[in-house]
Amino acid sequence: NPLTLFTASFQLSFSAVAALTLFLPTILPT
């Protein structure tokens, strides 16, 4: 469903996981 791109559910879900995937490995302290 291409129109899912404009829904809050899609945007919130994927932006949260993308942020965790990108930033978490670099800021988690050893």
Full PDB file with SEQRES, HELIX, SHEET, SSBOND, CRYST1, ORIGX, SCALE, CONECT and MASTER records, all heavy atoms in Angstrom:
SEQRES   1 A   30  ASN PRO LEU THR LEU PHE THR ALA SER PHE GLN LEU SER          
SEQRES   2 A   30  PHE SER ALA VAL ALA ALA LEU THR LEU PHE LEU PRO THR          
SEQRES   3 A   30  ILE LEU PRO THR                                              
HELIX    1 AA1 PRO A    2  PHE A    6  5                                   5    
HELIX    2 AA2 ALA A    8  ILE A   27  1                                  20    
CRYST1    1.000    1.000    1.000  90.00  90.00  90.00 P 1           1          
ORIGX1      1.000000  0.000000  0.000000        0.00000                         
ORIGX2      0.000000  1.000000  0.000000        0.00000                         
ORIGX3      0.000000  0.000000  1.000000        0.00000                         
SCALE1      1.000000  0.000000  0.000000        0.00000                         
SCALE2      0.000000  1.000000  0.000000        0.00000                         
SCALE3      0.000000  0.000000  1.000000        0.00000                         
ATOM      1  N   ASN A   1       0.857  -1.192   0.000  1.00  0.00           N  
ATOM      2  CA  ASN A   1       0.000   0.000   0.000  1.00  0.00           C  
ATOM      3  C   ASN A   1       0.893   1.242   0.000  1.00  0.00           C  
ATOM      4  O   ASN A   1       1.368   1.665   1.049  1.00  0.00           O  
ATOM      5  CB  ASN A   1      -0.925   0.009   1.215  1.00  0.00           C  
ATOM      6  CG  ASN A   1      -1.883   1.189   1.195  1.00  0.00           C  
ATOM      7  OD1 ASN A   1      -1.934   1.959   0.235  1.00  0.00           O  
ATOM      8  ND2 ASN A   1      -2.657   1.333   2.252  1.00  0.00           N  
ATOM      9  N   PRO A   2       1.140   1.841  -1.183  1.00  0.00           N  
ATOM     10  CA  PRO A   2       2.042   3.003  -1.256  1.00  0.00           C  
ATOM     11  C   PRO A   2       1.588   4.184  -0.411  1.00  0.00           C  
ATOM     12  O   PRO A   2       2.425   4.951   0.078  1.00  0.00           O  
ATOM     13  CB  PRO A   2       2.036   3.355  -2.747  1.00  0.00           C  
ATOM     14  CG  PRO A   2       1.626   2.095  -3.447  1.00  0.00           C  
ATOM     15  CD  PRO A   2       0.684   1.417  -2.516  1.00  0.00           C  
ATOM     16  N   LEU A   3       0.275   4.352  -0.221  1.00  0.00           N  
ATOM     17  CA  LEU A   3      -0.217   5.498   0.543  1.00  0.00           C  
ATOM     18  C   LEU A   3       0.107   5.399   2.023  1.00  0.00           C  
ATOM     19  O   LEU A   3      -0.044   6.387   2.757  1.00  0.00           O  
ATOM     20  CB  LEU A   3      -1.730   5.637   0.350  1.00  0.00           C  
ATOM     21  CG  LEU A   3      -2.199   5.977  -1.073  1.00  0.00           C  
ATOM     22  CD1 LEU A   3      -3.714   6.072  -1.128  1.00  0.00           C  
ATOM     23  CD2 LEU A   3      -1.566   7.279  -1.554  1.00  0.00           C  
ATOM     24  N   THR A   4       0.556   4.234   2.463  1.00  0.00           N  
ATOM     25  CA  THR A   4       0.963   4.080   3.865  1.00  0.00           C  
ATOM     26  C   THR A   4       2.101   5.029   4.215  1.00  0.00           C  
ATOM     27  O   THR A   4       2.288   5.392   5.381  1.00  0.00           O  
ATOM     28  CB  THR A   4       1.396   2.627   4.124  1.00  0.00           C  
ATOM     29  OG1 THR A   4       0.354   1.743   3.712  1.00  0.00           O  
ATOM     30  CG2 THR A   4       1.673   2.387   5.588  1.00  0.00           C  
ATOM     31  N   LEU A   5       2.865   5.444   3.202  1.00  0.00           N  
ATOM     32  CA  LEU A   5       3.991   6.355   3.429  1.00  0.00           C  
ATOM     33  C   LEU A   5       3.563   7.622   4.148  1.00  0.00           C  
ATOM     34  O   LEU A   5       4.339   8.208   4.908  1.00  0.00           O  
ATOM     35  CB  LEU A   5       4.631   6.706   2.081  1.00  0.00           C  
ATOM     36  CG  LEU A   5       5.779   7.721   2.098  1.00  0.00           C  
ATOM     37  CD1 LEU A   5       6.980   7.161   2.852  1.00  0.00           C  
ATOM     38  CD2 LEU A   5       6.179   8.099   0.676  1.00  0.00           C  
ATOM     39  N   PHE A   6       2.330   8.067   3.940  1.00  0.00           N  
ATOM     40  CA  PHE A   6       1.867   9.346   4.483  1.00  0.00           C  
ATOM     41  C   PHE A   6       1.124   9.189   5.802  1.00  0.00           C  
ATOM     42  O   PHE A   6       0.547  10.150   6.303  1.00  0.00           O  
ATOM     43  CB  PHE A   6       0.964  10.042   3.456  1.00  0.00           C  
ATOM     44  CG  PHE A   6       1.627  10.240   2.121  1.00  0.00           C  
ATOM     45  CD1 PHE A   6       1.326   9.411   1.052  1.00  0.00           C  
ATOM     46  CD2 PHE A   6       2.574  11.230   1.940  1.00  0.00           C  
ATOM     47  CE1 PHE A   6       1.935   9.575  -0.175  1.00  0.00           C  
ATOM     48  CE2 PHE A   6       3.195  11.408   0.715  1.00  0.00           C  
ATOM     49  CZ  PHE A   6       2.878  10.577  -0.346  1.00  0.00           C  
ATOM     50  N   THR A   7       1.106   7.999   6.377  1.00  0.00           N  
ATOM     51  CA  THR A   7       0.403   7.775   7.641  1.00  0.00           C  
ATOM     52  C   THR A   7       1.342   7.979   8.819  1.00  0.00           C  
ATOM     53  O   THR A   7       2.560   7.787   8.711  1.00  0.00           O  
ATOM     54  CB  THR A   7      -0.178   6.355   7.694  1.00  0.00           C  
ATOM     55  OG1 THR A   7       0.898   5.402   7.645  1.00  0.00           O  
ATOM     56  CG2 THR A   7      -1.131   6.110   6.530  1.00  0.00           C  
ATOM     57  N   ALA A   8       0.758   8.368   9.950  1.00  0.00           N  
ATOM     58  CA  ALA A   8       1.558   8.570  11.156  1.00  0.00           C  
ATOM     59  C   ALA A   8       2.204   7.270  11.608  1.00  0.00           C  
ATOM     60  O   ALA A   8       3.348   7.259  12.071  1.00  0.00           O  
ATOM     61  CB  ALA A   8       0.674   9.141  12.267  1.00  0.00           C  
ATOM     62  N   SER A   9       1.482   6.167  11.474  1.00  0.00           N  
ATOM     63  CA  SER A   9       1.994   4.881  11.925  1.00  0.00           C  
ATOM     64  C   SER A   9       3.286   4.517  11.204  1.00  0.00           C  
ATOM     65  O   SER A   9       4.276   4.117  11.819  1.00  0.00           O  
ATOM     66  CB  SER A   9       0.937   3.796  11.712  1.00  0.00           C  
ATOM     67  OG  SER A   9       1.420   2.537  12.098  1.00  0.00           O  
ATOM     68  N   PHE A  10       3.304   4.643   9.876  1.00  0.00           N  
ATOM     69  CA  PHE A  10       4.497   4.310   9.087  1.00  0.00           C  
ATOM     70  C   PHE A  10       5.656   5.230   9.451  1.00  0.00           C  
ATOM     71  O   PHE A  10       6.773   4.778   9.697  1.00  0.00           O  
ATOM     72  CB  PHE A  10       4.167   4.419   7.592  1.00  0.00           C  
ATOM     73  CG  PHE A  10       5.330   4.094   6.686  1.00  0.00           C  
ATOM     74  CD1 PHE A  10       5.520   2.805   6.224  1.00  0.00           C  
ATOM     75  CD2 PHE A  10       6.240   5.077   6.308  1.00  0.00           C  
ATOM     76  CE1 PHE A  10       6.594   2.495   5.394  1.00  0.00           C  
ATOM     77  CE2 PHE A  10       7.319   4.778   5.486  1.00  0.00           C  
ATOM     78  CZ  PHE A  10       7.489   3.481   5.020  1.00  0.00           C  
ATOM     79  N   GLN A  11       5.396   6.523   9.476  1.00  0.00           N  
ATOM     80  CA  GLN A  11       6.466   7.488   9.711  1.00  0.00           C  
ATOM     81  C   GLN A  11       7.069   7.339  11.100  1.00  0.00           C  
ATOM     82  O   GLN A  11       8.299   7.374  11.270  1.00  0.00           O  
ATOM     83  CB  GLN A  11       5.931   8.898   9.497  1.00  0.00           C  
ATOM     84  CG  GLN A  11       5.523   9.181   8.053  1.00  0.00           C  
ATOM     85  CD  GLN A  11       4.765  10.481   7.895  1.00  0.00           C  
ATOM     86  OE1 GLN A  11       4.542  11.211   8.861  1.00  0.00           O  
ATOM     87  NE2 GLN A  11       4.347  10.777   6.669  1.00  0.00           N  
ATOM     88  N   LEU A  12       6.227   7.172  12.122  1.00  0.00           N  
ATOM     89  CA  LEU A  12       6.736   7.037  13.483  1.00  0.00           C  
ATOM     90  C   LEU A  12       7.477   5.720  13.661  1.00  0.00           C  
ATOM     91  O   LEU A  12       8.548   5.670  14.284  1.00  0.00           O  
ATOM     92  CB  LEU A  12       5.586   7.138  14.485  1.00  0.00           C  
ATOM     93  CG  LEU A  12       4.914   8.505  14.598  1.00  0.00           C  
ATOM     94  CD1 LEU A  12       3.678   8.416  15.476  1.00  0.00           C  
ATOM     95  CD2 LEU A  12       5.881   9.529  15.158  1.00  0.00           C  
ATOM     96  N   SER A  13       6.907   4.650  13.134  1.00  0.00           N  
ATOM     97  CA  SER A  13       7.506   3.329  13.311  1.00  0.00           C  
ATOM     98  C   SER A  13       8.879   3.246  12.664  1.00  0.00           C  
ATOM     99  O   SER A  13       9.872   2.852  13.302  1.00  0.00           O  
ATOM    100  CB  SER A  13       6.570   2.264  12.719  1.00  0.00           C  
ATOM    101  OG  SER A  13       7.150   0.985  12.797  1.00  0.00           O  
ATOM    102  N   PHE A  14       8.978   3.659  11.406  1.00  0.00           N  
ATOM    103  CA  PHE A  14      10.240   3.502  10.694  1.00  0.00           C  
ATOM    104  C   PHE A  14      11.271   4.548  11.115  1.00  0.00           C  
ATOM    105  O   PHE A  14      12.471   4.263  11.132  1.00  0.00           O  
ATOM    106  CB  PHE A  14      10.004   3.554   9.181  1.00  0.00           C  
ATOM    107  CG  PHE A  14       9.481   2.262   8.625  1.00  0.00           C  
ATOM    108  CD1 PHE A  14       8.125   2.038   8.523  1.00  0.00           C  
ATOM    109  CD2 PHE A  14      10.352   1.257   8.236  1.00  0.00           C  
ATOM    110  CE1 PHE A  14       7.632   0.837   8.028  1.00  0.00           C  
ATOM    111  CE2 PHE A  14       9.876   0.062   7.741  1.00  0.00           C  
ATOM    112  CZ  PHE A  14       8.506  -0.163   7.637  1.00  0.00           C  
ATOM    113  N   SER A  15      10.833   5.760  11.458  1.00  0.00           N  
ATOM    114  CA  SER A  15      11.806   6.768  11.895  1.00  0.00           C  
ATOM    115  C   SER A  15      12.427   6.388  13.232  1.00  0.00           C  
ATOM    116  O   SER A  15      13.625   6.612  13.455  1.00  0.00           O  
ATOM    117  CB  SER A  15      11.140   8.141  11.991  1.00  0.00           C  
ATOM    118  OG  SER A  15      10.096   8.137  12.950  1.00  0.00           O  
ATOM    119  N   ALA A  16      11.643   5.779  14.126  1.00  0.00           N  
ATOM    120  CA  ALA A  16      12.181   5.361  15.423  1.00  0.00           C  
ATOM    121  C   ALA A  16      13.226   4.263  15.247  1.00  0.00           C  
ATOM    122  O   ALA A  16      14.324   4.330  15.808  1.00  0.00           O  
ATOM    123  CB  ALA A  16      11.051   4.872  16.325  1.00  0.00           C  
ATOM    124  N   VAL A  17      12.893   3.252  14.443  1.00  0.00           N  
ATOM    125  CA  VAL A  17      13.834   2.142  14.254  1.00  0.00           C  
ATOM    126  C   VAL A  17      15.079   2.603  13.479  1.00  0.00           C  
ATOM    127  O   VAL A  17      16.201   2.180  13.772  1.00  0.00           O  
ATOM    128  CB  VAL A  17      13.140   0.970  13.529  1.00  0.00           C  
ATOM    129  CG1 VAL A  17      14.124  -0.176  13.307  1.00  0.00           C  
ATOM    130  CG2 VAL A  17      11.951   0.481  14.331  1.00  0.00           C  
ATOM    131  N   ALA A  18      14.883   3.495  12.496  1.00  0.00           N  
ATOM    132  CA  ALA A  18      16.034   4.001  11.738  1.00  0.00           C  
ATOM    133  C   ALA A  18      16.984   4.783  12.644  1.00  0.00           C  
ATOM    134  O   ALA A  18      18.212   4.644  12.560  1.00  0.00           O  
ATOM    135  CB  ALA A  18      15.550   4.884  10.588  1.00  0.00           C  
ATOM    136  N   ALA A  19      16.424   5.624  13.526  1.00  0.00           N  
ATOM    137  CA  ALA A  19      17.269   6.386  14.451  1.00  0.00           C  
ATOM    138  C   ALA A  19      18.040   5.458  15.383  1.00  0.00           C  
ATOM    139  O   ALA A  19      19.235   5.665  15.643  1.00  0.00           O  
ATOM    140  CB  ALA A  19      16.412   7.356  15.255  1.00  0.00           C  
ATOM    141  N   LEU A  20      17.366   4.418  15.885  1.00  0.00           N  
ATOM    142  CA  LEU A  20      18.046   3.471  16.768  1.00  0.00           C  
ATOM    143  C   LEU A  20      19.147   2.724  16.020  1.00  0.00           C  
ATOM    144  O   LEU A  20      20.238   2.503  16.555  1.00  0.00           O  
ATOM    145  CB  LEU A  20      17.028   2.477  17.334  1.00  0.00           C  
ATOM    146  CG  LEU A  20      15.999   3.044  18.318  1.00  0.00           C  
ATOM    147  CD1 LEU A  20      14.964   1.992  18.674  1.00  0.00           C  
ATOM    148  CD2 LEU A  20      16.680   3.548  19.578  1.00  0.00           C  
ATOM    149  N   THR A  21      18.863   2.347  14.770  1.00  0.00           N  
ATOM    150  CA  THR A  21      19.842   1.599  13.989  1.00  0.00           C  
ATOM    151  C   THR A  21      21.079   2.440  13.697  1.00  0.00           C  
ATOM    152  O   THR A  21      22.214   1.947  13.747  1.00  0.00           O  
ATOM    153  CB  THR A  21      19.212   1.123  12.666  1.00  0.00           C  
ATOM    154  OG1 THR A  21      18.038   0.343  12.959  1.00  0.00           O  
ATOM    155  CG2 THR A  21      20.179   0.283  11.869  1.00  0.00           C  
ATOM    156  N   LEU A  22      20.883   3.727  13.411  1.00  0.00           N  
ATOM    157  CA  LEU A  22      22.007   4.589  13.040  1.00  0.00           C  
ATOM    158  C   LEU A  22      22.809   5.059  14.245  1.00  0.00           C  
ATOM    159  O   LEU A  22      24.049   5.011  14.247  1.00  0.00           O  
ATOM    160  CB  LEU A  22      21.493   5.805  12.260  1.00  0.00           C  
ATOM    161  CG  LEU A  22      21.018   5.558  10.825  1.00  0.00           C  
ATOM    162  CD1 LEU A  22      20.434   6.829  10.249  1.00  0.00           C  
ATOM    163  CD2 LEU A  22      22.172   5.073   9.952  1.00  0.00           C  
ATOM    164  N   PHE A  23      22.115   5.538  15.279  1.00  0.00           N  
ATOM    165  CA  PHE A  23      22.810   6.266  16.343  1.00  0.00           C  
ATOM    166  C   PHE A  23      23.175   5.419  17.545  1.00  0.00           C  
ATOM    167  O   PHE A  23      24.149   5.718  18.231  1.00  0.00           O  
ATOM    168  CB  PHE A  23      21.945   7.444  16.808  1.00  0.00           C  
ATOM    169  CG  PHE A  23      21.801   8.518  15.780  1.00  0.00           C  
ATOM    170  CD1 PHE A  23      20.623   8.659  15.070  1.00  0.00           C  
ATOM    171  CD2 PHE A  23      22.845   9.387  15.499  1.00  0.00           C  
ATOM    172  CE1 PHE A  23      20.479   9.644  14.114  1.00  0.00           C  
ATOM    173  CE2 PHE A  23      22.711  10.372  14.547  1.00  0.00           C  
ATOM    174  CZ  PHE A  23      21.527  10.499  13.845  1.00  0.00           C  
ATOM    175  N   LEU A  24      22.396   4.389  17.816  1.00  0.00           N  
ATOM    176  CA  LEU A  24      22.623   3.652  19.058  1.00  0.00           C  
ATOM    177  C   LEU A  24      24.008   3.021  19.134  1.00  0.00           C  
ATOM    178  O   LEU A  24      24.669   3.109  20.185  1.00  0.00           O  
ATOM    179  CB  LEU A  24      21.529   2.582  19.231  1.00  0.00           C  
ATOM    180  CG  LEU A  24      21.170   2.223  20.668  1.00  0.00           C  
ATOM    181  CD1 LEU A  24      20.792   3.481  21.446  1.00  0.00           C  
ATOM    182  CD2 LEU A  24      20.034   1.225  20.707  1.00  0.00           C  
ATOM    183  N   PRO A  25      24.514   2.397  18.061  1.00  0.00           N  
ATOM    184  CA  PRO A  25      25.852   1.800  18.169  1.00  0.00           C  
ATOM    185  C   PRO A  25      26.960   2.815  18.461  1.00  0.00           C  
ATOM    186  O   PRO A  25      27.990   2.456  19.029  1.00  0.00           O  
ATOM    187  CB  PRO A  25      26.056   1.150  16.789  1.00  0.00           C  
ATOM    188  CG  PRO A  25      24.681   0.921  16.262  1.00  0.00           C  
ATOM    189  CD  PRO A  25      23.879   2.081  16.766  1.00  0.00           C  
ATOM    190  N   THR A  26      26.733   4.078  18.059  1.00  0.00           N  
ATOM    191  CA  THR A  26      27.789   5.087  18.241  1.00  0.00           C  
ATOM    192  C   THR A  26      27.738   5.767  19.603  1.00  0.00           C  
ATOM    193  O   THR A  26      28.757   6.310  20.043  1.00  0.00           O  
ATOM    194  CB  THR A  26      27.688   6.163  17.144  1.00  0.00           C  
ATOM    195  OG1 THR A  26      26.421   6.836  17.257  1.00  0.00           O  
ATOM    196  CG2 THR A  26      27.798   5.531  15.767  1.00  0.00           C  
ATOM    197  N   ILE A  27      26.583   5.763  20.262  1.00  0.00           N  
ATOM    198  CA  ILE A  27      26.480   6.490  21.533  1.00  0.00           C  
ATOM    199  C   ILE A  27      26.412   5.571  22.741  1.00  0.00           C  
ATOM    200  O   ILE A  27      26.569   6.039  23.874  1.00  0.00           O  
ATOM    201  CB  ILE A  27      25.259   7.438  21.541  1.00  0.00           C  
ATOM    202  CG1 ILE A  27      23.946   6.657  21.492  1.00  0.00           C  
ATOM    203  CG2 ILE A  27      25.328   8.431  20.401  1.00  0.00           C  
ATOM    204  CD1 ILE A  27      22.725   7.521  21.672  1.00  0.00           C  
ATOM    205  N   LEU A  28      26.155   4.274  22.526  1.00  0.00           N  
ATOM    206  CA  LEU A  28      26.132   3.376  23.679  1.00  0.00           C  
ATOM    207  C   LEU A  28      27.534   3.254  24.260  1.00  0.00           C  
ATOM    208  O   LEU A  28      28.474   2.881  23.548  1.00  0.00           O  
ATOM    209  CB  LEU A  28      25.618   1.998  23.273  1.00  0.00           C  
ATOM    210  CG  LEU A  28      24.098   1.805  23.237  1.00  0.00           C  
ATOM    211  CD1 LEU A  28      23.758   0.386  22.811  1.00  0.00           C  
ATOM    212  CD2 LEU A  28      23.477   2.109  24.584  1.00  0.00           C  
ATOM    213  N   PRO A  29      27.696   3.559  25.525  1.00  0.00           N  
ATOM    214  CA  PRO A  29      29.038   3.473  26.114  1.00  0.00           C  
ATOM    215  C   PRO A  29      29.452   2.021  26.324  1.00  0.00           C  
ATOM    216  O   PRO A  29      28.630   1.152  26.606  1.00  0.00           O  
ATOM    217  CB  PRO A  29      28.877   4.209  27.452  1.00  0.00           C  
ATOM    218  CG  PRO A  29      27.427   4.025  27.806  1.00  0.00           C  
ATOM    219  CD  PRO A  29      26.678   3.997  26.497  1.00  0.00           C  
ATOM    220  N   THR A  30      30.736   1.755  26.178  1.00  0.00           N  
ATOM    221  CA  THR A  30      31.252   0.426  26.469  1.00  0.00           C  
ATOM    222  C   THR A  30      31.443   0.285  27.975  1.00  0.00           C  
ATOM    223  O   THR A  30      31.854   1.234  28.652  1.00  0.00           O  
ATOM    224  CB  THR A  30      32.604   0.200  25.772  1.00  0.00           C  
ATOM    225  OG1 THR A  30      33.490   1.250  26.162  1.00  0.00           O  
ATOM    226  CG2 THR A  30      32.425   0.234  24.262  1.00  0.00           C  
TER     227      THR A  30                                                      
MASTER        0    0    0    2    0    0    0    6  226    1    0    3          
END                                                                             
